[in-house]
Amino acid sequence: MSSTHALAHPGSAPVSLRRPRIRATLTIVSLFGLLTAVNLPTALYPLIGDRLHVDEFGITVAFASYVLSLLVGLVLFRPLGERANRRTVLVWALAATSLATLGLALAPTLAWFCLARAIQGLAIAAATGTGSSALRVLLPGRPNLSGRLTLLATSGGVAAGPILGGVLSLAGQQPTQVPFVAWSILLVALIPVILVIAPHPECEPVGRRNTAAPGPVTQQLSTPAAVAASVPAIRMAALVGFVSFAFFGFALSLAPGHFAELFHATSRPLLGLLASLVLLASAAVQLFPVRGRLAAPLGLVAFATGTLLLGLATALASPALTVAACLIAGAGQGIAFQRAFGAAVAAVPSARHGATVNAIYAVTYLGSTLPVLGLGIAASTFGLTPAVLAFTGAIAVACAVLAAVAFRSARTGD
């Protein structure tokens, strides 16, 4: 397949892109593979905790070390989308993540494990905005689709990581090593494919290829009024992301131990699946475009309902209610974040897409740090089940507040 697109940049001649569909698919696969790698440990955290001799708080520290480095990277690498070659960034991100993932298999202490997680975080920070920018360029005139595909690749990878980690851990005699070694090899295998498929000159950012004076469209989108008009959409996307990833952070760190304790489950694939249900539901929503002004507030209401039901399922120790709660919460989150994220990236010009995505994700991933660390402290102090009950209640309240704001915006047309 060698179809081409004519991509016109303001103030410049159209640029013909070779193999845009294949390159877009490869970008999605790369983002999926990267996010899967960093979430492989989820179902294995109880075993990793035993190997490294740490408790629940140690597990949240291991998880937060990735998120904290990711936050730093999102700030440091924010200009990458406008300055660096996208192919180069993705190749280096794949190489660094592969090396760090292998390091997770070999880490002898919590400190070394956290160092490997930190390297993963920096690599994901570099790749997220860059990969999203690549999709925006490869899908000209379709910012909402590129936004949905970004969410599908990232949320799909986050959801697949715990499941694949649990399944791969059954192969061989080293359950805390085999998944990381296997996935590290797969990430390395993507690098030569990218080098062959994606032409280096076509992966330069718009600003470096286009040396002509900015056209009227670029000037209009760069005015203070246009920038100010995009701020509410960006702020809402960031806040929805913050609450979402606070809940996801729980699912990816303490949920396997919580479900193991609650249901006396020992199957690692089963624990990984339970932890991934909310993420699978969120990723599935990204397969379909969600329209309508009330979609975001209704999604937030469903998210709040699902988290409350999860608290109830914890109190009742009900597996069926747990599954239903995770699916409802995930679907609601997916709808709300798709609408908020899509509105935010559509409100900014293509040249600012990568920086906008990084800014949103910087706030979003902060939700996986402070609340989850607080949850870890509460779990160590009061026990995991009481901490989870309080946590799900707080998430539900936050979703309800955001839903009220979104309803008001929908009614006024903002």
Protein backbone atom coordinates (compact mmCIF):
# COMPACT_ATOMS: atom_id res chain seq x y z
CA MET A 1 0.00 0.00 0.00
CA SER A 2 1.55 3.29 -1.04
CA SER A 3 -1.22 5.86 -1.04
CA THR A 4 -0.36 9.52 -0.66
CA HIS A 5 -1.95 12.59 0.85
CA ALA A 6 -1.40 16.19 -0.06
CA LEU A 7 -0.87 18.05 3.19
CA ALA A 8 -1.04 21.81 2.96
CA HIS A 9 0.53 23.98 5.64
CA PRO A 10 -0.47 27.62 5.95
CA GLY A 11 1.81 29.79 3.93
CA SER A 12 3.59 26.87 2.20
CA ALA A 13 3.20 24.56 -0.75
CA PRO A 14 1.44 21.22 -0.20
CA VAL A 15 3.66 18.42 1.04
CA SER A 16 3.11 14.92 -0.37
CA LEU A 17 3.38 12.27 2.32
CA ARG A 18 4.36 8.73 1.40
CA ARG A 19 2.50 5.77 2.91
CA PRO A 20 0.46 7.91 5.37
CA ARG A 21 -1.90 5.11 6.41
CA ILE A 22 0.87 2.63 7.08
CA ARG A 23 2.82 5.28 9.00
CA ALA A 24 -0.23 6.23 11.04
CA THR A 25 -0.77 2.56 11.90
CA LEU A 26 2.89 2.19 12.85
CA THR A 27 2.64 5.27 15.07
CA ILE A 28 -0.40 3.81 16.83
CA VAL A 29 1.37 0.46 17.29
CA SER A 30 4.45 2.23 18.71
CA LEU A 31 2.41 4.24 21.22
CA PHE A 32 0.47 1.10 22.15
CA GLY A 33 3.70 -0.86 22.64
CA LEU A 34 5.29 1.85 24.76
CA LEU A 35 2.28 2.22 27.07
CA THR A 36 1.94 -1.55 27.34
CA ALA A 37 5.56 -1.83 28.46
CA VAL A 38 5.18 0.57 31.36
CA ASN A 39 2.06 -1.22 32.61
CA LEU A 40 3.34 -4.81 32.45
CA PRO A 41 4.19 -4.77 36.20
CA THR A 42 0.57 -4.15 37.31
CA ALA A 43 -0.54 -7.77 37.78
CA LEU A 44 2.93 -8.66 39.04
CA TYR A 45 3.19 -6.06 41.82
CA PRO A 46 2.35 -8.55 44.62
CA LEU A 47 5.19 -10.80 43.38
CA ILE A 48 7.51 -7.86 42.76
CA GLY A 49 6.78 -6.59 46.26
CA ASP A 50 7.84 -9.94 47.67
CA ARG A 51 10.97 -10.00 45.50
CA LEU A 52 12.00 -6.49 46.51
CA HIS A 53 10.74 -6.86 50.13
CA VAL A 54 8.38 -3.84 50.07
CA ASP A 55 4.81 -3.24 51.28
CA GLU A 56 1.86 -1.40 49.66
CA PHE A 57 3.53 1.98 50.09
CA GLY A 58 6.66 0.64 48.38
CA ILE A 59 4.48 -0.48 45.46
CA THR A 60 2.97 3.01 45.12
CA VAL A 61 6.49 4.48 45.25
CA ALA A 62 7.52 2.18 42.40
CA PHE A 63 4.45 3.25 40.43
CA ALA A 64 4.87 6.95 41.27
CA SER A 65 8.54 6.96 40.22
CA TYR A 66 7.37 6.37 36.67
CA VAL A 67 4.66 9.01 36.86
CA LEU A 68 6.90 11.65 38.44
CA SER A 69 9.57 11.24 35.77
CA LEU A 70 6.82 11.31 33.16
CA LEU A 71 5.60 14.64 34.53
CA VAL A 72 9.11 16.08 34.44
CA GLY A 73 9.54 14.80 30.90
CA LEU A 74 6.24 16.27 29.72
CA VAL A 75 7.44 19.69 30.87
CA LEU A 76 11.00 19.33 29.56
CA PHE A 77 9.98 17.80 26.23
CA ARG A 78 7.01 20.04 25.54
CA PRO A 79 8.78 21.84 22.63
CA LEU A 80 9.79 18.55 20.94
CA GLY A 81 6.71 18.52 18.73
CA GLU A 82 7.74 21.82 17.13
CA ARG A 83 11.52 21.29 17.00
CA ALA A 84 12.56 17.63 16.79
CA ASN A 85 12.23 15.07 14.04
CA ARG A 86 9.30 12.81 14.97
CA ARG A 87 10.92 9.63 13.65
CA THR A 88 14.05 10.26 15.69
CA VAL A 89 12.06 10.86 18.87
CA LEU A 90 9.98 7.68 18.49
CA VAL A 91 13.05 5.56 17.72
CA TRP A 92 14.92 6.82 20.79
CA ALA A 93 11.79 6.41 22.94
CA LEU A 94 11.44 2.79 21.83
CA ALA A 95 15.14 2.11 22.48
CA ALA A 96 15.12 3.72 25.93
CA THR A 97 11.87 2.00 26.96
CA SER A 98 13.19 -1.35 25.77
CA LEU A 99 16.35 -0.95 27.83
CA ALA A 100 14.44 0.22 30.91
CA THR A 101 11.89 -2.61 30.57
CA LEU A 102 14.75 -5.09 30.55
CA GLY A 103 16.06 -3.31 33.65
CA LEU A 104 12.79 -4.08 35.47
CA ALA A 105 13.53 -7.78 35.06
CA LEU A 106 17.01 -7.43 36.51
CA ALA A 107 16.47 -4.81 39.25
CA PRO A 108 17.77 -6.19 42.59
CA THR A 109 16.32 -3.44 44.80
CA LEU A 110 13.44 -0.98 44.88
CA ALA A 111 15.84 1.87 44.06
CA TRP A 112 17.02 0.19 40.84
CA PHE A 113 13.43 -0.71 39.95
CA CYS A 114 12.40 2.93 40.41
CA LEU A 115 15.33 4.09 38.25
CA ALA A 116 14.19 1.84 35.40
CA ARG A 117 10.62 3.12 35.83
CA ALA A 118 11.89 6.71 35.73
CA ILE A 119 13.64 6.07 32.40
CA GLN A 120 10.39 4.63 31.07
CA GLY A 121 8.58 7.77 32.18
CA LEU A 122 10.96 10.08 30.35
CA ALA A 123 10.68 8.02 27.17
CA ILE A 124 6.87 7.98 27.27
CA ALA A 125 6.84 11.76 27.85
CA ALA A 126 8.92 12.28 24.71
CA ALA A 127 6.80 9.92 22.62
CA THR A 128 3.26 10.95 23.65
CA GLY A 129 3.08 14.46 22.19
CA THR A 130 5.33 13.49 19.29
CA GLY A 131 3.22 10.48 18.33
CA SER A 132 0.02 12.49 18.61
CA SER A 133 1.55 15.22 16.43
CA ALA A 134 2.50 12.58 13.85
CA LEU A 135 -1.10 11.37 13.70
CA ARG A 136 -2.32 14.95 13.30
CA VAL A 137 0.02 15.42 10.32
CA LEU A 138 -0.75 12.03 8.77
CA LEU A 139 -4.51 12.65 9.09
CA PRO A 140 -4.81 16.24 7.79
CA GLY A 141 -8.04 18.05 8.50
CA ARG A 142 -9.21 15.41 11.00
CA PRO A 143 -8.05 16.60 14.45
CA ASN A 144 -10.85 14.77 16.27
CA LEU A 145 -9.90 11.46 14.65
CA SER A 146 -6.22 11.95 15.48
CA GLY A 147 -7.21 12.72 19.07
CA ARG A 148 -9.35 9.58 19.29
CA LEU A 149 -6.57 7.44 17.86
CA THR A 150 -4.11 8.91 20.36
CA LEU A 151 -6.44 7.98 23.21
CA LEU A 152 -7.07 4.54 21.69
CA ALA A 153 -3.34 3.79 21.41
CA THR A 154 -2.46 5.08 24.87
CA SER A 155 -5.48 3.82 26.82
CA GLY A 156 -5.36 0.53 24.90
CA GLY A 157 -1.70 0.06 25.84
CA VAL A 158 -2.42 0.93 29.46
CA ALA A 159 -5.26 -1.62 29.48
CA ALA A 160 -3.29 -4.35 27.71
CA GLY A 161 -0.22 -4.06 29.94
CA PRO A 162 -1.66 -5.69 33.08
CA ILE A 163 -3.29 -8.49 31.09
CA LEU A 164 -0.20 -9.28 29.02
CA GLY A 165 2.00 -9.03 32.08
CA GLY A 166 -0.13 -11.62 33.84
CA VAL A 167 -0.29 -13.94 30.83
CA LEU A 168 3.43 -13.70 29.98
CA SER A 169 4.34 -14.34 33.62
CA LEU A 170 3.01 -17.89 33.19
CA ALA A 171 5.74 -18.66 30.66
CA GLY A 172 8.94 -20.00 32.17
CA GLN A 173 10.08 -20.19 35.77
CA GLN A 174 10.70 -16.45 36.32
CA PRO A 175 7.28 -14.70 36.42
CA THR A 176 8.78 -11.30 37.34
CA GLN A 177 11.31 -11.41 34.51
CA VAL A 178 9.87 -13.14 31.42
CA PRO A 179 7.22 -10.47 30.59
CA PHE A 180 9.78 -7.65 30.65
CA VAL A 181 12.38 -9.50 28.58
CA ALA A 182 9.81 -10.56 25.96
CA TRP A 183 8.31 -7.08 25.57
CA SER A 184 11.73 -5.46 25.47
CA ILE A 185 12.54 -7.57 22.40
CA LEU A 186 9.27 -6.60 20.72
CA LEU A 187 9.96 -2.88 21.21
CA VAL A 188 13.42 -3.20 19.67
CA ALA A 189 11.90 -5.00 16.67
CA LEU A 190 9.76 -1.92 15.88
CA ILE A 191 12.79 0.32 15.39
CA PRO A 192 14.02 -0.99 12.00
CA VAL A 193 10.43 -1.01 10.71
CA ILE A 194 10.07 2.69 11.52
CA LEU A 195 13.41 3.49 9.90
CA VAL A 196 12.36 1.73 6.69
CA ILE A 197 8.76 2.96 6.48
CA ALA A 198 8.98 6.59 7.64
CA PRO A 199 11.14 8.92 5.50
CA HIS A 200 13.30 11.09 7.77
CA PRO A 201 12.71 14.42 5.91
CA GLU A 202 8.92 14.02 6.03
CA CYS A 203 9.03 13.63 9.82
CA GLU A 204 10.39 17.13 10.41
CA PRO A 205 7.98 19.38 12.35
CA VAL A 206 5.97 21.93 10.40
CA GLY A 207 7.96 24.93 11.61
CA ARG A 208 11.29 23.50 10.42
CA ARG A 209 9.99 22.51 6.99
CA ASN A 210 8.08 25.72 6.43
CA THR A 211 10.43 28.69 6.33
CA ALA A 212 7.99 30.97 4.54
CA ALA A 213 6.23 33.79 6.35
CA PRO A 214 3.20 32.68 8.37
CA GLY A 215 0.00 32.74 6.39
CA PRO A 216 -3.18 34.48 7.53
CA VAL A 217 -4.58 31.29 9.07
CA THR A 218 -1.45 30.81 11.21
CA GLN A 219 -1.51 34.45 12.28
CA GLN A 220 -5.18 34.25 13.17
CA LEU A 221 -4.70 31.11 15.27
CA SER A 222 -1.75 32.68 17.06
CA THR A 223 -3.59 35.80 18.24
CA PRO A 224 -4.04 36.28 22.01
CA ALA A 225 -7.81 36.07 21.55
CA ALA A 226 -7.56 32.69 19.80
CA VAL A 227 -5.19 31.36 22.45
CA ALA A 228 -7.47 32.59 25.25
CA ALA A 229 -10.48 30.96 23.57
CA SER A 230 -8.79 27.55 23.70
CA VAL A 231 -7.92 27.76 27.42
CA PRO A 232 -11.30 26.59 28.84
CA ALA A 233 -11.29 23.48 26.63
CA ILE A 234 -7.70 22.66 27.56
CA ARG A 235 -8.44 23.24 31.27
CA MET A 236 -11.48 20.92 31.20
CA ALA A 237 -9.54 18.19 29.39
CA ALA A 238 -6.73 18.43 31.94
CA LEU A 239 -9.09 18.26 34.93
CA VAL A 240 -11.03 15.31 33.52
CA GLY A 241 -7.68 13.65 32.82
CA PHE A 242 -6.48 14.30 36.38
CA VAL A 243 -9.49 12.60 37.96
CA SER A 244 -9.38 9.80 35.40
CA PHE A 245 -5.76 8.94 36.04
CA ALA A 246 -6.18 9.13 39.78
CA PHE A 247 -8.60 6.23 39.36
CA PHE A 248 -6.39 4.55 36.75
CA GLY A 249 -3.42 4.93 39.09
CA PHE A 250 -5.25 2.89 41.68
CA ALA A 251 -6.14 0.27 39.06
CA LEU A 252 -2.52 0.01 37.92
CA SER A 253 -0.87 -0.13 41.32
CA LEU A 254 -2.91 -1.34 44.30
CA ALA A 255 -5.95 -2.85 42.58
CA PRO A 256 -4.39 -6.31 41.98
CA GLY A 257 -3.48 -6.62 45.65
CA HIS A 258 -6.91 -5.28 46.63
CA PHE A 259 -8.75 -7.77 44.42
CA ALA A 260 -6.50 -10.62 45.58
CA GLU A 261 -7.31 -9.74 49.20
CA LEU A 262 -11.00 -9.18 48.57
CA PHE A 263 -11.74 -12.26 46.45
CA HIS A 264 -8.89 -14.53 47.58
CA ALA A 265 -7.72 -14.70 43.95
CA THR A 266 -4.24 -15.92 43.04
CA SER A 267 -4.41 -16.08 39.22
CA ARG A 268 -2.14 -13.36 37.82
CA PRO A 269 -3.98 -13.15 34.45
CA LEU A 270 -7.28 -12.83 36.32
CA LEU A 271 -5.91 -10.09 38.58
CA GLY A 272 -4.50 -8.30 35.54
CA LEU A 273 -7.85 -8.54 33.78
CA LEU A 274 -9.76 -7.18 36.78
CA ALA A 275 -7.32 -4.27 37.08
CA SER A 276 -7.66 -3.57 33.35
CA LEU A 277 -11.45 -3.67 33.07
CA VAL A 278 -11.88 0.07 33.57
CA LEU A 279 -9.12 0.77 31.04
CA LEU A 280 -10.48 -1.73 28.52
CA ALA A 281 -13.89 -0.09 28.68
CA SER A 282 -12.29 3.33 28.23
CA ALA A 283 -10.25 2.14 25.25
CA ALA A 284 -13.28 0.48 23.63
CA VAL A 285 -15.17 3.78 23.67
CA GLN A 286 -12.40 5.37 21.57
CA LEU A 287 -13.34 3.10 18.66
CA PHE A 288 -16.47 5.17 18.14
CA PRO A 289 -16.91 8.94 17.77
CA VAL A 290 -19.01 10.40 20.59
CA ARG A 291 -21.08 13.45 19.68
CA GLY A 292 -23.45 15.81 21.45
CA ARG A 293 -23.00 18.61 23.95
CA LEU A 294 -24.25 16.48 26.83
CA ALA A 295 -21.85 13.61 26.14
CA ALA A 296 -19.11 14.88 28.47
CA PRO A 297 -21.33 15.58 31.52
CA LEU A 298 -23.25 12.33 31.07
CA GLY A 299 -19.96 10.46 30.78
CA LEU A 300 -18.79 12.04 34.02
CA VAL A 301 -22.03 11.02 35.73
CA ALA A 302 -21.47 7.44 34.57
CA PHE A 303 -17.85 7.64 35.81
CA ALA A 304 -19.06 8.81 39.24
CA THR A 305 -21.69 6.07 39.34
CA GLY A 306 -19.14 3.39 38.49
CA THR A 307 -16.73 4.49 41.22
CA LEU A 308 -19.51 4.52 43.81
CA LEU A 309 -20.54 1.02 42.72
CA LEU A 310 -16.93 -0.12 43.07
CA GLY A 311 -16.95 1.12 46.66
CA LEU A 312 -20.19 -0.77 47.23
CA ALA A 313 -18.71 -3.88 45.60
CA THR A 314 -15.74 -3.61 47.97
CA ALA A 315 -18.03 -3.37 50.99
CA LEU A 316 -20.06 -6.38 49.78
CA ALA A 317 -17.04 -8.32 48.41
CA SER A 318 -19.05 -8.88 45.23
CA PRO A 319 -17.08 -9.98 42.12
CA ALA A 320 -20.04 -9.42 39.77
CA LEU A 321 -20.65 -5.89 41.04
CA THR A 322 -16.92 -5.18 40.79
CA VAL A 323 -16.90 -6.11 37.10
CA ALA A 324 -20.01 -4.03 36.39
CA ALA A 325 -18.65 -1.05 38.32
CA CYS A 326 -15.33 -1.08 36.45
CA LEU A 327 -17.04 -1.31 33.07
CA ILE A 328 -19.44 1.54 33.86
CA ALA A 329 -16.67 3.75 35.25
CA GLY A 330 -14.39 3.02 32.30
CA ALA A 331 -17.05 3.68 29.67
CA GLY A 332 -18.06 6.92 31.37
CA GLN A 333 -14.46 8.07 31.64
CA GLY A 334 -13.81 7.18 28.01
CA ILE A 335 -16.77 9.21 26.79
CA ALA A 336 -15.96 12.23 28.95
CA PHE A 337 -12.26 12.28 28.14
CA GLN A 338 -12.81 11.73 24.41
CA ARG A 339 -15.09 14.77 24.24
CA ALA A 340 -12.89 16.95 26.46
CA PHE A 341 -9.61 15.91 24.82
CA GLY A 342 -11.04 16.23 21.30
CA ALA A 343 -12.38 19.72 21.99
CA ALA A 344 -9.00 20.80 23.37
CA VAL A 345 -6.83 19.57 20.47
CA ALA A 346 -9.33 20.86 17.89
CA ALA A 347 -9.13 24.33 19.45
CA VAL A 348 -5.39 24.74 18.74
CA PRO A 349 -3.47 24.87 15.43
CA SER A 350 -1.53 21.85 14.19
CA ALA A 351 1.80 23.53 15.04
CA ARG A 352 0.79 23.67 18.73
CA HIS A 353 -0.75 20.18 18.86
CA GLY A 354 2.19 18.41 20.52
CA ALA A 355 2.69 21.11 23.15
CA THR A 356 -1.04 21.09 23.95
CA VAL A 357 -1.13 17.29 24.32
CA ASN A 358 1.91 17.38 26.60
CA ALA A 359 0.34 20.14 28.73
CA ILE A 360 -2.89 18.15 29.13
CA TYR A 361 -1.05 14.95 29.97
CA ALA A 362 1.20 16.74 32.46
CA VAL A 363 -1.87 17.56 34.56
CA THR A 364 -3.49 14.22 33.73
CA TYR A 365 -0.58 12.12 34.98
CA LEU A 366 -0.32 14.24 38.11
CA GLY A 367 -3.54 12.47 39.08
CA SER A 368 -1.60 9.21 39.14
CA THR A 369 0.91 10.60 41.61
CA LEU A 370 -0.38 12.56 44.58
CA PRO A 371 -3.74 10.77 45.04
CA VAL A 372 -2.17 7.33 44.58
CA LEU A 373 0.66 8.08 47.01
CA GLY A 374 -1.98 9.26 49.49
CA LEU A 375 -3.89 6.05 48.90
CA GLY A 376 -0.73 4.03 49.55
CA ILE A 377 -0.12 5.82 52.86
CA ALA A 378 -3.77 5.32 53.87
CA ALA A 379 -3.61 1.63 52.93
CA SER A 380 -0.48 1.11 55.03
CA THR A 381 -2.06 2.95 57.97
CA PHE A 382 -5.71 1.88 57.96
CA GLY A 383 -5.77 -1.15 55.68
CA LEU A 384 -6.37 -1.47 51.96
CA THR A 385 -10.16 -1.94 51.98
CA PRO A 386 -11.01 1.16 54.10
CA ALA A 387 -8.59 3.23 52.01
CA VAL A 388 -10.24 2.07 48.78
CA LEU A 389 -13.70 2.95 50.11
CA ALA A 390 -12.60 6.50 50.95
CA PHE A 391 -10.75 6.83 47.64
CA THR A 392 -13.69 5.78 45.45
CA GLY A 393 -15.94 8.20 47.33
CA ALA A 394 -13.55 11.09 46.71
CA ILE A 395 -13.29 10.25 42.99
CA ALA A 396 -17.09 10.13 42.70
CA VAL A 397 -17.41 13.59 44.29
CA ALA A 398 -14.78 15.03 41.93
CA CYS A 399 -16.59 13.56 38.91
CA ALA A 400 -19.90 15.02 40.11
CA VAL A 401 -18.35 18.50 40.41
CA LEU A 402 -16.85 18.28 36.92
CA ALA A 403 -20.17 17.00 35.54
CA ALA A 404 -21.95 20.06 36.98
CA VAL A 405 -19.40 22.37 35.33
CA ALA A 406 -19.73 20.50 32.02
CA PHE A 407 -23.55 20.69 32.17
CA ARG A 408 -23.39 24.45 32.70
CA SER A 409 -20.97 24.86 29.78
CA ALA A 410 -23.22 22.73 27.56
CA ARG A 411 -26.27 24.83 28.41
CA THR A 412 -24.51 28.13 27.74
CA GLY A 413 -22.81 26.82 24.60
CA ASP A 414 -19.26 27.49 25.84
